[in-house]
Amino acid sequence: MSRESAPDVVIEPLGDSALLLRFGAGLDAVANARVHAALHTLHAAGLPGVVDLVPAYATLALHYRPEVWTDANGRVPWRNVAAAVRVIFRTPPEPAPRDDAIIEVPVCYGGAFGADLDALAAHAKLDIADVVARHTAATYRVAMIGFAPGFPYLFGLDPALHMPRRASPRTRVPAGSVAIGGAQTGIYPAELPGGWHLIGQTPLVLFDAKGDPPSRLAPGDRVRFVAIDAQRFDELSHA
């Protein structure tokens, strides 16, 4: 596959109407911060014909209208877009100014709300209370939204709570389930299949297609989980 390099970023075509900008690989917080900085910079640049910018852990997809970037010289559109991106990145992207407020997510842990909490505690060789304490002590950063609309992948999980995904995924995971898979924690925004370990559930609605914005959480947001009991879960569910 053809690709071009700019300082610290590899640019390659993704089909005939998108570019993929690579800033690293894997679950790398530094690369993810660079993705968010590039996202902010490209939004501000306002390149013509750009219809979407989609951040992931270490990559950023730039979707564009090919007809806007087709020239009389017959050069393929993606190379024209890549050239424009390289010009923008001559000045290294800087992080977007951001409200660093922490978004609190209430969670009822264990029991009917978190069927795998006991198994995760046994795997970690910790008491249930210790697992909950560690999970609620961290401040997380939304690395990306993916898998399903509104599903946040969160950086910051205590290494003691890392656990390989389930050998057999569930066909139905309840909406609002808070789960751990490998080195990640996240929240299922709707009833979905999934192979992560369920440790709790939030009564918050994470995604509403009619909302503005539709997703409660966005890439770059800071999140902290707050333990609640079943009574408080019921109250918030009907609020």
Protein backbone atom coordinates (compact mmCIF):
# COMPACT_ATOMS: atom_id res chain seq x y z
CA MET A 1 0.00 0.00 0.00
CA SER A 2 1.19 3.49 -0.83
CA ARG A 3 1.93 5.72 2.13
CA GLU A 4 3.66 8.98 2.86
CA SER A 5 5.42 10.20 5.98
CA ALA A 6 5.19 13.57 7.65
CA PRO A 7 7.07 14.38 10.86
CA ASP A 8 6.05 11.66 13.36
CA VAL A 9 2.98 10.60 11.36
CA VAL A 10 2.44 8.06 8.58
CA ILE A 11 -0.33 8.91 6.10
CA GLU A 12 -1.92 6.26 3.92
CA PRO A 13 -5.11 5.93 1.85
CA LEU A 14 -8.11 4.24 3.43
CA GLY A 15 -10.25 3.36 0.44
CA ASP A 16 -10.91 6.06 -2.16
CA SER A 17 -12.34 8.74 0.15
CA ALA A 18 -10.39 8.62 3.40
CA LEU A 19 -6.89 8.88 4.82
CA LEU A 20 -5.51 7.06 7.84
CA LEU A 21 -3.02 9.05 9.92
CA ARG A 22 -0.87 6.82 12.13
CA PHE A 23 0.75 8.33 15.24
CA GLY A 24 1.86 5.09 16.88
CA ALA A 25 0.47 1.67 17.65
CA GLY A 26 -1.43 -0.12 20.38
CA LEU A 27 -2.77 1.25 23.66
CA ASP A 28 -0.34 4.15 23.97
CA ALA A 29 -1.48 7.19 25.95
CA VAL A 30 1.18 9.41 24.34
CA ALA A 31 0.11 8.44 20.81
CA ASN A 32 -3.52 8.94 21.78
CA ALA A 33 -2.79 12.46 23.04
CA ARG A 34 -1.17 13.23 19.68
CA VAL A 35 -4.27 11.89 17.89
CA HIS A 36 -6.46 14.30 19.87
CA ALA A 37 -4.09 17.21 19.19
CA ALA A 38 -4.15 16.44 15.45
CA LEU A 39 -7.95 16.20 15.57
CA HIS A 40 -8.16 19.69 17.09
CA THR A 41 -5.65 21.12 14.59
CA LEU A 42 -7.43 19.68 11.54
CA HIS A 43 -10.82 20.84 12.79
CA ALA A 44 -9.41 24.34 13.14
CA ALA A 45 -7.75 24.22 9.70
CA GLY A 46 -11.10 23.71 7.95
CA LEU A 47 -9.79 21.82 4.93
CA PRO A 48 -12.39 21.88 2.10
CA GLY A 49 -14.27 18.68 1.39
CA VAL A 50 -13.49 17.06 4.76
CA VAL A 51 -16.68 15.38 5.97
CA ASP A 52 -15.51 13.62 9.15
CA LEU A 53 -12.54 13.09 11.47
CA VAL A 54 -12.62 9.88 13.51
CA PRO A 55 -10.05 9.39 16.31
CA ALA A 56 -8.94 5.97 17.54
CA TYR A 57 -6.22 4.90 20.00
CA ALA A 58 -3.24 5.70 17.78
CA THR A 59 -4.80 6.68 14.46
CA LEU A 60 -7.04 9.35 12.99
CA ALA A 61 -9.28 8.70 9.98
CA LEU A 62 -9.92 11.70 7.74
CA HIS A 63 -12.92 11.27 5.43
CA TYR A 64 -13.14 13.58 2.41
CA ARG A 65 -15.04 14.14 -0.83
CA PRO A 66 -12.74 12.94 -3.66
CA GLU A 67 -14.20 15.34 -6.23
CA VAL A 68 -13.02 18.31 -4.15
CA TRP A 69 -9.43 17.04 -4.26
CA THR A 70 -9.22 15.87 -7.88
CA ASP A 71 -6.98 18.13 -9.98
CA ALA A 72 -6.33 18.60 -13.69
CA ASN A 73 -2.96 16.85 -13.46
CA GLY A 74 -4.59 13.50 -12.74
CA ARG A 75 -2.95 13.13 -9.33
CA VAL A 76 -4.94 10.75 -7.14
CA PRO A 77 -7.02 12.71 -4.60
CA TRP A 78 -5.55 11.12 -1.48
CA ARG A 79 -2.09 12.44 -2.31
CA ASN A 80 -3.48 15.97 -2.59
CA VAL A 81 -5.19 15.67 0.78
CA ALA A 82 -2.03 14.17 2.31
CA ALA A 83 0.04 17.06 0.96
CA ALA A 84 -2.37 19.55 2.55
CA VAL A 85 -2.19 17.69 5.88
CA ARG A 86 1.61 17.72 5.80
CA VAL A 87 1.58 21.50 5.30
CA ILE A 88 -0.70 21.90 8.33
CA PHE A 89 1.53 19.65 10.43
CA ARG A 90 4.68 21.69 9.70
CA THR A 91 3.71 23.32 12.98
CA PRO A 92 3.36 20.41 15.42
CA PRO A 93 -0.25 20.04 16.59
CA GLU A 94 -0.89 21.22 20.14
CA PRO A 95 -3.53 19.82 22.52
CA ALA A 96 -6.93 21.46 22.31
CA PRO A 97 -7.85 23.75 25.17
CA ARG A 98 -10.26 21.69 27.22
CA ASP A 99 -12.47 21.93 30.25
CA ASP A 100 -10.71 19.49 32.56
CA ALA A 101 -13.79 18.91 34.70
CA ILE A 102 -14.28 15.31 35.77
CA ILE A 103 -17.49 13.59 34.66
CA GLU A 104 -18.79 11.33 37.42
CA VAL A 105 -20.42 8.05 36.40
CA PRO A 106 -22.45 6.34 39.15
CA VAL A 107 -22.05 2.55 39.22
CA CYS A 108 -23.74 -0.18 41.21
CA TYR A 109 -21.09 -2.91 41.52
CA GLY A 110 -21.50 -6.68 41.68
CA GLY A 111 -24.48 -8.95 42.15
CA ALA A 112 -27.14 -8.65 39.45
CA PHE A 113 -25.37 -5.51 38.20
CA GLY A 114 -21.92 -7.05 37.70
CA ALA A 115 -21.96 -10.80 37.18
CA ASP A 116 -18.17 -11.12 36.77
CA LEU A 117 -17.01 -9.05 39.73
CA ASP A 118 -16.32 -12.11 41.91
CA ALA A 119 -14.31 -13.79 39.15
CA LEU A 120 -12.29 -10.65 38.51
CA ALA A 121 -11.56 -10.28 42.24
CA ALA A 122 -10.37 -13.89 42.36
CA HIS A 123 -8.18 -13.35 39.28
CA ALA A 124 -6.65 -10.22 40.85
CA LYS A 125 -6.31 -11.90 44.27
CA LEU A 126 -8.18 -8.99 45.82
CA ASP A 127 -11.26 -8.61 47.99
CA ILE A 128 -14.37 -7.32 46.21
CA ALA A 129 -14.12 -4.09 48.20
CA ASP A 130 -10.52 -3.65 47.02
CA VAL A 131 -11.55 -4.08 43.37
CA VAL A 132 -14.29 -1.48 43.73
CA ALA A 133 -11.94 0.87 45.59
CA ARG A 134 -9.29 0.59 42.87
CA HIS A 135 -11.79 0.99 40.06
CA THR A 136 -13.31 4.12 41.62
CA ALA A 137 -9.98 5.64 42.69
CA ALA A 138 -8.66 6.23 39.18
CA THR A 139 -9.35 9.21 36.94
CA TYR A 140 -9.85 7.92 33.41
CA ARG A 141 -9.46 9.57 30.02
CA VAL A 142 -11.76 8.71 27.10
CA ALA A 143 -9.29 7.48 24.49
CA MET A 144 -11.90 6.92 21.78
CA ILE A 145 -15.53 6.12 21.07
CA GLY A 146 -15.95 2.89 19.14
CA PHE A 147 -17.38 -0.62 18.82
CA ALA A 148 -20.90 0.86 19.08
CA PRO A 149 -22.22 4.45 19.17
CA GLY A 150 -21.36 5.98 22.54
CA PHE A 151 -19.08 3.15 23.78
CA PRO A 152 -16.12 4.82 25.57
CA TYR A 153 -12.72 3.13 25.73
CA LEU A 154 -11.03 4.48 28.86
CA PHE A 155 -7.34 4.88 29.70
CA GLY A 156 -6.26 4.68 33.33
CA LEU A 157 -7.27 1.24 34.60
CA ASP A 158 -5.25 0.06 37.62
CA PRO A 159 -2.89 -2.69 36.34
CA ALA A 160 -4.03 -4.93 39.23
CA LEU A 161 -7.46 -5.08 37.55
CA HIS A 162 -6.27 -6.13 34.11
CA MET A 163 -7.88 -9.40 33.03
CA PRO A 164 -8.04 -11.18 29.64
CA ARG A 165 -11.37 -11.06 27.89
CA ARG A 166 -13.88 -13.86 28.38
CA ALA A 167 -13.23 -17.01 26.38
CA SER A 168 -16.91 -17.07 25.39
CA PRO A 169 -18.51 -13.67 24.69
CA ARG A 170 -22.06 -13.06 25.83
CA THR A 171 -24.70 -12.56 23.18
CA ARG A 172 -26.48 -9.97 25.33
CA VAL A 173 -24.88 -7.48 27.71
CA PRO A 174 -27.26 -5.06 29.48
CA ALA A 175 -27.13 -1.36 28.62
CA GLY A 176 -25.01 0.61 31.06
CA SER A 177 -22.79 -2.34 31.97
CA VAL A 178 -19.35 -1.29 33.20
CA ALA A 179 -16.77 -3.83 32.13
CA ILE A 180 -13.09 -4.73 31.96
CA GLY A 181 -11.35 -6.36 29.00
CA GLY A 182 -7.58 -6.72 29.07
CA ALA A 183 -6.05 -3.39 30.09
CA GLN A 184 -9.21 -1.43 29.33
CA THR A 185 -12.44 -0.48 31.04
CA GLY A 186 -15.53 0.77 29.28
CA ILE A 187 -19.30 1.13 29.39
CA TYR A 188 -21.83 -0.59 27.12
CA PRO A 189 -24.18 2.17 25.90
CA ALA A 190 -26.91 -0.25 24.79
CA GLU A 191 -27.78 -3.93 25.01
CA LEU A 192 -25.05 -5.52 22.91
CA PRO A 193 -23.00 -8.69 22.58
CA GLY A 194 -19.65 -8.50 24.35
CA GLY A 195 -16.71 -10.42 25.75
CA TRP A 196 -15.61 -8.12 28.56
CA HIS A 197 -16.03 -8.91 32.26
CA LEU A 198 -19.06 -7.18 33.78
CA ILE A 199 -18.32 -5.60 37.16
CA GLY A 200 -21.19 -3.14 37.54
CA GLN A 201 -23.84 -1.06 35.84
CA THR A 202 -24.61 2.64 35.54
CA PRO A 203 -28.14 4.06 35.28
CA LEU A 204 -26.87 6.84 32.99
CA VAL A 205 -27.91 6.86 29.34
CA LEU A 206 -24.66 6.94 27.39
CA PHE A 207 -26.09 7.42 23.92
CA ASP A 208 -29.27 9.07 22.63
CA ALA A 209 -29.53 9.41 18.85
CA LYS A 210 -31.85 12.40 19.30
CA GLY A 211 -29.53 14.13 21.78
CA ASP A 212 -27.21 17.04 21.03
CA PRO A 213 -24.60 15.70 21.22
CA PRO A 214 -25.90 12.13 21.04
CA SER A 215 -22.98 10.68 23.04
CA ARG A 216 -22.69 11.60 26.72
CA LEU A 217 -18.91 11.11 26.64
CA ALA A 218 -16.44 12.35 24.02
CA PRO A 219 -12.78 11.56 23.25
CA GLY A 220 -10.55 13.41 25.71
CA ASP A 221 -13.14 13.65 28.51
CA ARG A 222 -12.04 12.80 32.06
CA VAL A 223 -14.17 10.26 33.91
CA ARG A 224 -14.40 8.93 37.44
CA PHE A 225 -16.66 6.11 38.63
CA VAL A 226 -18.65 6.58 41.84
CA ALA A 227 -20.04 3.56 43.72
CA ILE A 228 -23.77 3.63 44.48
CA ASP A 229 -26.21 1.11 45.99
CA ALA A 230 -29.21 -0.55 44.34
CA GLN A 231 -31.66 1.96 45.81
CA ARG A 232 -29.74 4.90 44.35
CA PHE A 233 -29.48 3.06 41.02
CA ASP A 234 -33.26 2.73 40.93
CA GLU A 235 -33.73 6.42 41.82
CA LEU A 236 -31.39 7.58 39.08
CA SER A 237 -32.95 5.19 36.56
CA HIS A 238 -36.32 6.88 37.03
CA ALA A 239 -35.07 10.45 37.37
